[in-house]
Structures are given as structure tokens and as C-alpha cells.
Amino acid sequence: MLVKLGPLDSGRIADLRPYFDSVPDPRARRGRWYSLTAILLVCACAPARL
């Protein structure tokens, strides 16, 4: 279930990079332009439209 959290204060922000680094990348090696971690970080920062 998705929950809209709203703005987070500095005490509630965690570095997501270690978690995203552990996600296996199902894409073929050929044709990758960006790392999966970078793509997931951009998606996490995108505003939600609910």
C-alpha cells in the first residue's frame, strides 16, 4: 500500500542508495545507459500524483 508522507524533516530522511544497490538488475548488460540505482533514485524523488 502506498502512503503519501508529505515533506520529511531531516531526522526522518535516510540514504536510500544502499537499499537500491541491493536490488538485482534484470536488464541485459548491453544497452544499459544508466545504473538501476540512479533510475530508482530519480523515481523515488519524483512527485507522486495520487
C-alpha atoms as a PDB file:
ATOM      1  CA  MET A   1       0.000   0.000   0.000  1.00  0.00           C
ATOM      2  CA  LEU A   2       1.339   3.424  -0.925  1.00  0.00           C
ATOM      3  CA  VAL A   3       1.147   6.161   1.670  1.00  0.00           C
ATOM      4  CA  LYS A   4       1.713   9.825   0.968  1.00  0.00           C
ATOM      5  CA  LEU A   5       4.119  11.035   3.636  1.00  0.00           C
ATOM      6  CA  GLY A   6       4.477  14.669   2.651  1.00  0.00           C
ATOM      7  CA  PRO A   7       7.665  16.611   3.354  1.00  0.00           C
ATOM      8  CA  LEU A   8      10.131  14.827   5.613  1.00  0.00           C
ATOM      9  CA  ASP A   9      12.257  16.592   8.185  1.00  0.00           C
ATOM     10  CA  SER A  10      15.991  15.929   8.307  1.00  0.00           C
ATOM     11  CA  GLY A  11      15.577  13.435  11.161  1.00  0.00           C
ATOM     12  CA  ARG A  12      13.385  11.123   9.048  1.00  0.00           C
ATOM     13  CA  ILE A  13      15.409  11.148   5.814  1.00  0.00           C
ATOM     14  CA  ALA A  14      17.530   8.040   5.212  1.00  0.00           C
ATOM     15  CA  ASP A  15      20.054   7.376   2.467  1.00  0.00           C
ATOM     16  CA  LEU A  16      18.247   5.076   0.026  1.00  0.00           C
ATOM     17  CA  ARG A  17      21.300   4.271  -2.086  1.00  0.00           C
ATOM     18  CA  PRO A  18      22.400   1.168  -0.098  1.00  0.00           C
ATOM     19  CA  TYR A  19      18.907  -0.293  -0.384  1.00  0.00           C
ATOM     20  CA  PHE A  20      18.660   0.403  -4.121  1.00  0.00           C
ATOM     21  CA  ASP A  21      22.145  -1.051  -4.680  1.00  0.00           C
ATOM     22  CA  SER A  22      20.872  -4.385  -3.355  1.00  0.00           C
ATOM     23  CA  VAL A  23      18.062  -4.591  -5.950  1.00  0.00           C
ATOM     24  CA  PRO A  24      19.017  -7.061  -8.723  1.00  0.00           C
ATOM     25  CA  ASP A  25      19.061  -5.535 -12.210  1.00  0.00           C
ATOM     26  CA  PRO A  26      17.092  -7.753 -14.632  1.00  0.00           C
ATOM     27  CA  ARG A  27      18.220  -5.819 -17.718  1.00  0.00           C
ATOM     28  CA  ALA A  28      20.725  -7.199 -20.205  1.00  0.00           C
ATOM     29  CA  ARG A  29      24.211  -5.721 -19.928  1.00  0.00           C
ATOM     30  CA  ARG A  30      24.067  -4.453 -23.497  1.00  0.00           C
ATOM     31  CA  GLY A  31      22.162  -1.214 -23.900  1.00  0.00           C
ATOM     32  CA  ARG A  32      22.350  -0.003 -20.303  1.00  0.00           C
ATOM     33  CA  TRP A  33      22.914   3.720 -20.197  1.00  0.00           C
ATOM     34  CA  TYR A  34      22.185   4.363 -16.550  1.00  0.00           C
ATOM     35  CA  SER A  35      22.627   2.292 -13.431  1.00  0.00           C
ATOM     36  CA  LEU A  36      19.487   0.830 -11.891  1.00  0.00           C
ATOM     37  CA  THR A  37      20.315   2.638  -8.651  1.00  0.00           C
ATOM     38  CA  ALA A  38      20.272   6.011 -10.427  1.00  0.00           C
ATOM     39  CA  ILE A  39      16.935   5.234 -12.077  1.00  0.00           C
ATOM     40  CA  LEU A  40      15.369   4.139  -8.780  1.00  0.00           C
ATOM     41  CA  LEU A  41      16.649   7.268  -7.007  1.00  0.00           C
ATOM     42  CA  VAL A  42      15.104   9.528  -9.664  1.00  0.00           C
ATOM     43  CA  CYS A  43      11.810   7.640  -9.372  1.00  0.00           C
ATOM     44  CA  ALA A  44      11.878   7.961  -5.583  1.00  0.00           C
ATOM     45  CA  CYS A  45      12.368  11.732  -5.861  1.00  0.00           C
ATOM     46  CA  ALA A  46       9.595  12.240  -8.411  1.00  0.00           C
ATOM     47  CA  PRO A  47       6.402  13.830  -7.067  1.00  0.00           C
ATOM     48  CA  ALA A  48       3.545  11.396  -6.596  1.00  0.00           C
ATOM     49  CA  ARG A  49       0.291  12.060  -8.390  1.00  0.00           C
ATOM     50  CA  LEU A  50      -2.426  10.398  -6.322  1.00  0.00           C
END
